[in-house]
N, C-alpha and C. Protein backbone atom coordinates (compact mmCIF):
# COMPACT_ATOMS: atom_id res chain seq x y z
N UNK A 1 0.86 -1.17 0.00
CA UNK A 1 0.00 0.00 0.00
C UNK A 1 0.91 1.23 0.00
N UNK A 2 0.62 2.19 -0.89
CA UNK A 2 1.33 3.45 -0.89
C UNK A 2 0.55 4.41 -0.01
N UNK A 3 1.17 4.88 1.08
CA UNK A 3 0.49 5.72 2.07
C UNK A 3 1.30 6.98 2.31
N UNK A 4 0.81 8.11 1.83
CA UNK A 4 1.47 9.40 2.01
C UNK A 4 2.94 9.36 1.57
N UNK A 5 3.18 8.74 0.42
CA UNK A 5 4.53 8.70 -0.13
C UNK A 5 5.41 7.61 0.46
N UNK A 6 4.87 6.78 1.34
CA UNK A 6 5.63 5.69 1.95
C UNK A 6 5.03 4.37 1.52
N UNK A 7 5.87 3.43 1.14
CA UNK A 7 5.40 2.10 0.77
C UNK A 7 5.29 1.25 2.03
N UNK A 8 4.08 0.79 2.32
CA UNK A 8 3.85 -0.09 3.47
C UNK A 8 3.63 -1.50 2.96
N UNK A 9 4.34 -2.46 3.52
CA UNK A 9 4.14 -3.86 3.16
C UNK A 9 3.39 -4.52 4.30
N UNK A 10 2.19 -4.98 3.99
CA UNK A 10 1.29 -5.53 5.00
C UNK A 10 0.96 -6.96 4.67
N UNK A 11 0.67 -7.77 5.69
CA UNK A 11 0.23 -9.14 5.41
C UNK A 11 -1.13 -9.12 4.73
N UNK A 12 -1.34 -10.04 3.82
CA UNK A 12 -2.62 -10.13 3.11
C UNK A 12 -3.67 -10.67 4.07
N UNK A 13 -4.84 -10.03 4.07
CA UNK A 13 -5.96 -10.50 4.90
C UNK A 13 -7.10 -10.88 3.98
N UNK A 14 -7.75 -11.99 4.32
CA UNK A 14 -8.91 -12.39 3.55
C UNK A 14 -10.10 -11.53 3.95
N UNK A 15 -11.13 -11.52 3.14
CA UNK A 15 -12.34 -10.75 3.46
C UNK A 15 -12.94 -11.23 4.77
N UNK A 16 -12.86 -12.54 5.04
CA UNK A 16 -13.43 -13.09 6.28
C UNK A 16 -12.65 -12.56 7.50
N UNK A 17 -11.32 -12.54 7.41
CA UNK A 17 -10.52 -12.02 8.52
C UNK A 17 -10.82 -10.54 8.75
N UNK A 18 -11.00 -9.81 7.68
CA UNK A 18 -11.23 -8.38 7.75
C UNK A 18 -12.60 -8.04 8.32
N UNK A 19 -13.59 -8.91 8.14
CA UNK A 19 -14.96 -8.59 8.53
C UNK A 19 -15.28 -8.99 9.97
N UNK A 20 -14.40 -9.71 10.64
CA UNK A 20 -14.67 -10.13 12.01
C UNK A 20 -14.56 -8.94 12.95
N UNK A 21 -15.62 -8.71 13.70
CA UNK A 21 -15.63 -7.62 14.66
C UNK A 21 -15.63 -8.21 16.07
N UNK A 22 -15.02 -7.50 17.01
CA UNK A 22 -15.09 -7.98 18.39
C UNK A 22 -16.52 -7.91 18.92
N UNK A 23 -16.76 -8.61 20.00
CA UNK A 23 -18.06 -8.53 20.67
C UNK A 23 -18.03 -7.38 21.65
N UNK A 24 -19.19 -6.81 21.92
CA UNK A 24 -19.33 -5.72 22.89
C UNK A 24 -19.87 -6.32 24.18
N UNK A 25 -19.18 -6.07 25.27
CA UNK A 25 -19.64 -6.49 26.58
C UNK A 25 -19.89 -5.23 27.40
N UNK A 26 -21.10 -5.11 27.94
CA UNK A 26 -21.47 -3.91 28.71
C UNK A 26 -21.91 -4.29 30.11
N UNK A 27 -21.57 -3.42 31.04
CA UNK A 27 -22.07 -3.57 32.41
C UNK A 27 -22.23 -2.17 32.99
N UNK A 28 -23.10 -2.04 33.96
CA UNK A 28 -23.27 -0.74 34.61
C UNK A 28 -22.80 -0.85 36.06
N UNK A 29 -22.32 0.28 36.56
CA UNK A 29 -21.86 0.37 37.95
C UNK A 29 -22.38 1.66 38.53
N UNK A 30 -22.68 1.63 39.81
CA UNK A 30 -23.04 2.87 40.51
C UNK A 30 -21.76 3.67 40.75
N UNK A 31 -21.84 4.97 40.62
CA UNK A 31 -20.70 5.84 40.89
C UNK A 31 -20.89 6.48 42.26
N UNK A 32 -20.03 6.13 43.19
CA UNK A 32 -20.15 6.66 44.55
C UNK A 32 -19.19 7.81 44.81
N UNK A 33 -17.98 7.73 44.24
CA UNK A 33 -16.98 8.75 44.52
C UNK A 33 -16.22 9.08 43.23
N UNK A 34 -16.62 10.14 42.56
CA UNK A 34 -16.02 10.52 41.29
C UNK A 34 -14.52 10.78 41.44
N UNK A 35 -14.11 11.36 42.55
CA UNK A 35 -12.69 11.73 42.72
C UNK A 35 -11.77 10.52 42.79
N UNK A 36 -12.30 9.34 43.09
CA UNK A 36 -11.47 8.13 43.14
C UNK A 36 -11.45 7.37 41.82
N UNK A 37 -12.18 7.85 40.83
CA UNK A 37 -12.26 7.18 39.54
C UNK A 37 -11.15 7.71 38.63
N UNK A 38 -10.32 6.82 38.10
CA UNK A 38 -9.22 7.23 37.21
C UNK A 38 -9.55 6.78 35.80
N UNK A 39 -10.03 7.71 34.99
CA UNK A 39 -10.43 7.40 33.62
C UNK A 39 -9.26 7.50 32.64
N UNK A 40 -8.13 7.98 33.10
CA UNK A 40 -6.98 8.18 32.20
C UNK A 40 -6.21 6.89 31.92
N UNK A 41 -6.38 5.88 32.74
CA UNK A 41 -5.57 4.67 32.59
C UNK A 41 -6.42 3.43 32.29
N UNK A 42 -7.43 3.61 31.47
CA UNK A 42 -8.24 2.46 31.05
C UNK A 42 -7.49 1.68 29.97
N UNK A 43 -7.66 0.36 29.92
CA UNK A 43 -7.07 -0.39 28.82
C UNK A 43 -7.66 0.08 27.49
N UNK A 44 -6.95 -0.06 26.38
CA UNK A 44 -7.44 0.46 25.09
C UNK A 44 -8.72 -0.22 24.60
N UNK A 45 -9.08 -1.36 25.16
CA UNK A 45 -10.29 -2.07 24.74
C UNK A 45 -11.48 -1.76 25.65
N UNK A 46 -11.34 -0.76 26.52
CA UNK A 46 -12.40 -0.44 27.47
C UNK A 46 -12.68 1.06 27.48
N UNK A 47 -13.96 1.42 27.62
CA UNK A 47 -14.36 2.82 27.72
C UNK A 47 -15.50 2.92 28.73
N UNK A 48 -15.66 4.12 29.30
CA UNK A 48 -16.73 4.36 30.27
C UNK A 48 -17.53 5.58 29.84
N UNK A 49 -18.84 5.48 30.05
CA UNK A 49 -19.77 6.55 29.67
C UNK A 49 -20.78 6.75 30.79
N UNK A 50 -21.42 7.90 30.79
CA UNK A 50 -22.55 8.16 31.68
C UNK A 50 -23.71 7.32 31.15
N UNK A 51 -24.13 6.32 31.90
CA UNK A 51 -25.14 5.36 31.43
C UNK A 51 -26.47 6.03 31.10
N UNK A 52 -26.79 7.13 31.76
CA UNK A 52 -28.08 7.78 31.53
C UNK A 52 -28.11 8.59 30.24
N UNK A 53 -26.97 8.78 29.58
CA UNK A 53 -26.93 9.58 28.35
C UNK A 53 -26.81 8.72 27.10
N UNK A 54 -26.59 7.42 27.26
CA UNK A 54 -26.36 6.53 26.12
C UNK A 54 -27.63 5.79 25.75
N UNK A 55 -27.95 5.79 24.48
CA UNK A 55 -29.15 5.11 23.98
C UNK A 55 -28.76 3.74 23.42
N UNK A 56 -29.20 2.67 24.09
CA UNK A 56 -28.90 1.30 23.67
C UNK A 56 -29.84 0.86 22.56
N UNK A 57 -29.45 -0.09 21.74
CA UNK A 57 -28.25 -0.93 21.79
C UNK A 57 -27.05 -0.24 21.15
N UNK A 58 -25.87 -0.75 21.51
CA UNK A 58 -24.62 -0.27 20.95
C UNK A 58 -24.17 -1.21 19.84
N UNK A 59 -23.43 -0.68 18.90
CA UNK A 59 -22.88 -1.52 17.84
C UNK A 59 -21.55 -0.97 17.38
N UNK A 60 -20.82 -1.81 16.68
CA UNK A 60 -19.53 -1.43 16.11
C UNK A 60 -19.66 -1.33 14.60
N UNK A 61 -18.96 -0.38 14.03
CA UNK A 61 -18.91 -0.27 12.58
C UNK A 61 -17.64 0.45 12.19
N UNK A 62 -17.33 0.39 10.90
CA UNK A 62 -16.19 1.13 10.37
C UNK A 62 -16.63 2.55 10.05
N UNK A 63 -15.68 3.48 9.97
CA UNK A 63 -16.00 4.88 9.72
C UNK A 63 -16.47 5.08 8.29
N UNK A 64 -17.23 6.15 8.12
CA UNK A 64 -17.73 6.56 6.80
C UNK A 64 -17.23 7.97 6.53
N UNK A 65 -17.17 8.34 5.28
CA UNK A 65 -16.56 9.60 4.85
C UNK A 65 -17.07 10.83 5.60
N UNK A 66 -18.35 10.97 5.84
CA UNK A 66 -18.90 12.20 6.44
C UNK A 66 -19.12 12.08 7.95
N UNK A 67 -18.60 11.04 8.59
CA UNK A 67 -18.80 10.86 10.03
C UNK A 67 -18.24 12.04 10.82
N UNK A 68 -19.01 12.48 11.81
CA UNK A 68 -18.60 13.55 12.72
C UNK A 68 -18.79 13.07 14.15
N UNK A 69 -17.99 13.62 15.05
CA UNK A 69 -18.18 13.35 16.48
C UNK A 69 -17.70 14.55 17.27
N UNK A 70 -18.06 14.56 18.55
CA UNK A 70 -17.66 15.65 19.44
C UNK A 70 -16.64 15.07 20.42
N UNK A 71 -15.34 15.25 20.13
CA UNK A 71 -14.31 14.62 20.95
C UNK A 71 -14.34 15.08 22.41
N UNK A 72 -13.96 14.19 23.30
CA UNK A 72 -13.83 14.53 24.71
C UNK A 72 -12.92 15.73 24.83
N UNK A 73 -13.35 16.72 25.59
CA UNK A 73 -12.58 17.94 25.77
C UNK A 73 -13.02 19.07 24.86
N UNK A 74 -13.92 18.78 23.93
CA UNK A 74 -14.45 19.81 23.04
C UNK A 74 -15.92 20.02 23.43
N UNK A 75 -16.20 21.00 24.32
CA UNK A 75 -17.54 21.15 24.86
C UNK A 75 -18.59 21.60 23.85
N UNK A 76 -18.17 22.17 22.73
CA UNK A 76 -19.15 22.53 21.70
C UNK A 76 -18.53 22.28 20.34
N UNK A 77 -19.38 22.04 19.36
CA UNK A 77 -18.90 21.78 18.01
C UNK A 77 -18.55 20.32 17.80
N UNK A 78 -18.25 20.00 16.56
CA UNK A 78 -17.90 18.63 16.20
C UNK A 78 -16.66 18.64 15.31
N UNK A 79 -16.14 17.46 15.09
CA UNK A 79 -14.97 17.27 14.23
C UNK A 79 -15.25 16.11 13.29
N UNK A 80 -14.80 16.22 12.05
CA UNK A 80 -14.88 15.08 11.16
C UNK A 80 -13.95 13.98 11.67
N UNK A 81 -14.41 12.76 11.62
CA UNK A 81 -13.57 11.63 12.02
C UNK A 81 -12.33 11.58 11.12
N UNK A 82 -12.51 11.88 9.84
CA UNK A 82 -11.36 11.88 8.91
C UNK A 82 -10.32 12.92 9.33
N UNK A 83 -10.75 14.07 9.86
CA UNK A 83 -9.80 15.08 10.35
C UNK A 83 -9.08 14.57 11.60
N UNK A 84 -9.79 13.87 12.47
CA UNK A 84 -9.16 13.27 13.64
C UNK A 84 -8.06 12.30 13.19
N UNK A 85 -8.38 11.48 12.19
CA UNK A 85 -7.39 10.53 11.66
C UNK A 85 -6.16 11.27 11.13
N UNK A 86 -6.39 12.33 10.39
CA UNK A 86 -5.28 13.11 9.82
C UNK A 86 -4.45 13.74 10.94
N UNK A 87 -5.12 14.36 11.90
CA UNK A 87 -4.41 15.02 13.01
C UNK A 87 -3.56 14.04 13.82
N UNK A 88 -4.01 12.79 13.90
CA UNK A 88 -3.30 11.78 14.69
C UNK A 88 -2.49 10.83 13.81
N UNK A 89 -2.29 11.22 12.56
CA UNK A 89 -1.41 10.52 11.62
C UNK A 89 -1.74 9.04 11.45
N UNK A 90 -3.02 8.73 11.29
CA UNK A 90 -3.44 7.37 10.98
C UNK A 90 -3.00 7.04 9.55
N UNK A 91 -2.47 5.86 9.35
CA UNK A 91 -2.13 5.42 7.99
C UNK A 91 -3.42 4.98 7.30
N UNK A 92 -3.37 4.80 6.00
CA UNK A 92 -4.55 4.34 5.26
C UNK A 92 -5.05 3.01 5.80
N UNK A 93 -4.18 2.01 6.03
CA UNK A 93 -4.67 0.74 6.59
C UNK A 93 -5.29 0.92 7.99
N UNK A 94 -4.72 1.80 8.81
CA UNK A 94 -5.30 2.05 10.14
C UNK A 94 -6.71 2.63 10.01
N UNK A 95 -6.89 3.56 9.09
CA UNK A 95 -8.22 4.15 8.86
C UNK A 95 -9.21 3.08 8.43
N UNK A 96 -8.78 2.19 7.56
CA UNK A 96 -9.67 1.16 7.04
C UNK A 96 -10.07 0.16 8.12
N UNK A 97 -9.19 -0.10 9.08
CA UNK A 97 -9.48 -1.07 10.15
C UNK A 97 -10.16 -0.44 11.36
N UNK A 98 -10.09 0.87 11.49
CA UNK A 98 -10.57 1.54 12.71
C UNK A 98 -12.06 1.31 12.93
N UNK A 99 -12.41 0.96 14.15
CA UNK A 99 -13.80 0.74 14.52
C UNK A 99 -14.34 1.93 15.31
N UNK A 100 -15.64 2.14 15.17
CA UNK A 100 -16.36 3.15 15.92
C UNK A 100 -17.45 2.45 16.72
N UNK A 101 -17.63 2.87 17.97
CA UNK A 101 -18.75 2.41 18.77
C UNK A 101 -19.86 3.44 18.62
N UNK A 102 -21.04 2.99 18.21
CA UNK A 102 -22.16 3.89 18.00
C UNK A 102 -23.36 3.43 18.82
N UNK A 103 -24.25 4.37 19.13
CA UNK A 103 -25.45 4.04 19.90
C UNK A 103 -26.61 3.75 18.95
N UNK A 104 -27.81 3.63 19.50
CA UNK A 104 -28.99 3.29 18.70
C UNK A 104 -29.31 4.33 17.64
N UNK A 105 -28.86 5.58 17.84
CA UNK A 105 -29.09 6.65 16.86
C UNK A 105 -27.93 6.80 15.90
N UNK A 106 -26.97 5.89 15.93
CA UNK A 106 -25.75 5.94 15.12
C UNK A 106 -24.87 7.12 15.50
N UNK A 107 -25.01 7.60 16.73
CA UNK A 107 -24.13 8.64 17.26
C UNK A 107 -22.82 7.99 17.67
N UNK A 108 -21.71 8.56 17.24
CA UNK A 108 -20.40 8.00 17.58
C UNK A 108 -20.10 8.29 19.04
N UNK A 109 -19.85 7.22 19.81
CA UNK A 109 -19.50 7.34 21.22
C UNK A 109 -18.00 7.22 21.44
N UNK A 110 -17.32 6.47 20.54
CA UNK A 110 -15.92 6.14 20.79
C UNK A 110 -15.23 5.77 19.50
N UNK A 111 -14.12 6.42 19.22
CA UNK A 111 -13.19 5.93 18.21
C UNK A 111 -12.38 4.90 18.99
N UNK A 112 -12.71 3.65 18.78
CA UNK A 112 -12.25 2.56 19.64
C UNK A 112 -10.73 2.61 19.85
N UNK A 113 -10.38 2.60 21.13
CA UNK A 113 -8.97 2.61 21.51
C UNK A 113 -8.34 3.99 21.51
N UNK A 114 -9.10 5.02 21.12
CA UNK A 114 -8.50 6.35 20.99
C UNK A 114 -9.25 7.43 21.78
N UNK A 115 -10.45 7.79 21.36
CA UNK A 115 -11.11 8.97 21.95
C UNK A 115 -12.60 8.70 22.09
N UNK A 116 -13.13 9.05 23.26
CA UNK A 116 -14.58 8.98 23.49
C UNK A 116 -15.17 10.37 23.22
N UNK A 117 -16.49 10.46 23.34
CA UNK A 117 -17.16 11.73 23.04
C UNK A 117 -17.46 12.53 24.30
N UNK A 118 -17.51 13.83 24.13
CA UNK A 118 -17.73 14.75 25.24
C UNK A 118 -19.13 14.64 25.85
N UNK A 119 -20.20 14.58 25.04
CA UNK A 119 -21.54 14.58 25.64
C UNK A 119 -21.85 13.37 26.53
N UNK A 120 -21.13 12.27 26.35
CA UNK A 120 -21.43 11.04 27.10
C UNK A 120 -20.36 10.71 28.14
N UNK A 121 -19.54 11.70 28.48
CA UNK A 121 -18.45 11.50 29.43
C UNK A 121 -18.99 11.30 30.85
N UNK A 122 -18.17 10.70 31.68
CA UNK A 122 -18.48 10.54 33.09
C UNK A 122 -18.10 11.84 33.79
N UNK A 123 -19.03 12.39 34.56
CA UNK A 123 -18.82 13.66 35.26
C UNK A 123 -19.13 13.48 36.75
N UNK A 124 -18.87 14.48 37.56
CA UNK A 124 -19.24 14.37 38.99
C UNK A 124 -20.74 14.18 39.19
N UNK A 125 -21.57 14.53 38.19
CA UNK A 125 -23.02 14.35 38.30
C UNK A 125 -23.50 12.97 37.86
N UNK A 126 -22.59 12.17 37.30
CA UNK A 126 -22.95 10.83 36.83
C UNK A 126 -23.32 9.95 38.01
N UNK A 127 -24.43 9.22 37.86
CA UNK A 127 -24.85 8.30 38.92
C UNK A 127 -24.54 6.86 38.57
N UNK A 128 -24.68 6.52 37.27
CA UNK A 128 -24.38 5.16 36.82
C UNK A 128 -23.41 5.23 35.65
N UNK A 129 -22.40 4.37 35.69
CA UNK A 129 -21.41 4.29 34.63
C UNK A 129 -21.71 3.08 33.76
N UNK A 130 -21.65 3.29 32.46
CA UNK A 130 -21.73 2.19 31.51
C UNK A 130 -20.30 1.85 31.12
N UNK A 131 -19.86 0.64 31.46
CA UNK A 131 -18.52 0.18 31.12
C UNK A 131 -18.64 -0.71 29.89
N UNK A 132 -17.91 -0.35 28.83
CA UNK A 132 -17.94 -1.09 27.58
C UNK A 132 -16.58 -1.74 27.39
N UNK A 133 -16.59 -3.07 27.22
CA UNK A 133 -15.39 -3.85 26.94
C UNK A 133 -15.54 -4.47 25.56
N UNK A 134 -14.47 -4.48 24.81
CA UNK A 134 -14.47 -5.20 23.54
C UNK A 134 -13.79 -6.52 23.77
N UNK A 135 -14.43 -7.60 23.33
CA UNK A 135 -13.92 -8.94 23.51
C UNK A 135 -13.51 -9.46 22.14
N UNK A 136 -12.23 -9.75 21.99
CA UNK A 136 -11.70 -10.23 20.73
C UNK A 136 -11.58 -11.74 20.77
N UNK A 137 -12.36 -12.41 19.92
CA UNK A 137 -12.29 -13.87 19.82
C UNK A 137 -11.21 -14.23 18.81
N UNK A 138 -10.46 -15.27 19.13
CA UNK A 138 -9.42 -15.71 18.18
C UNK A 138 -9.96 -16.68 17.18
């Protein structure tokens, strides 16, 4: 693959290997003490959201050209997912493999392994946390 002037040599993947998505595992927890919660050191396959703001069911999908989201830390406005990829120097193969977690309205909640969205963040006012784990089957 030629990516931004660099030749990348990648292992060939079959369509079946490429189409396998991880399973979504969700659980809710009561939030008793926000100050003891450390959201900065979550494993890359796990994210937390304010359970009362998320519309179930959740699903995984690949990004689409016009996808927009409101990244954590951006209290107003949105960003194109493609701009996020460019800003964070995603290669073409990374963009093609990248998964998005979306809610029942197809609102992007998480660029999996990278950034969650601001409107669904856990805050001191959160009462229940939705913990989302991705389970990768071999």
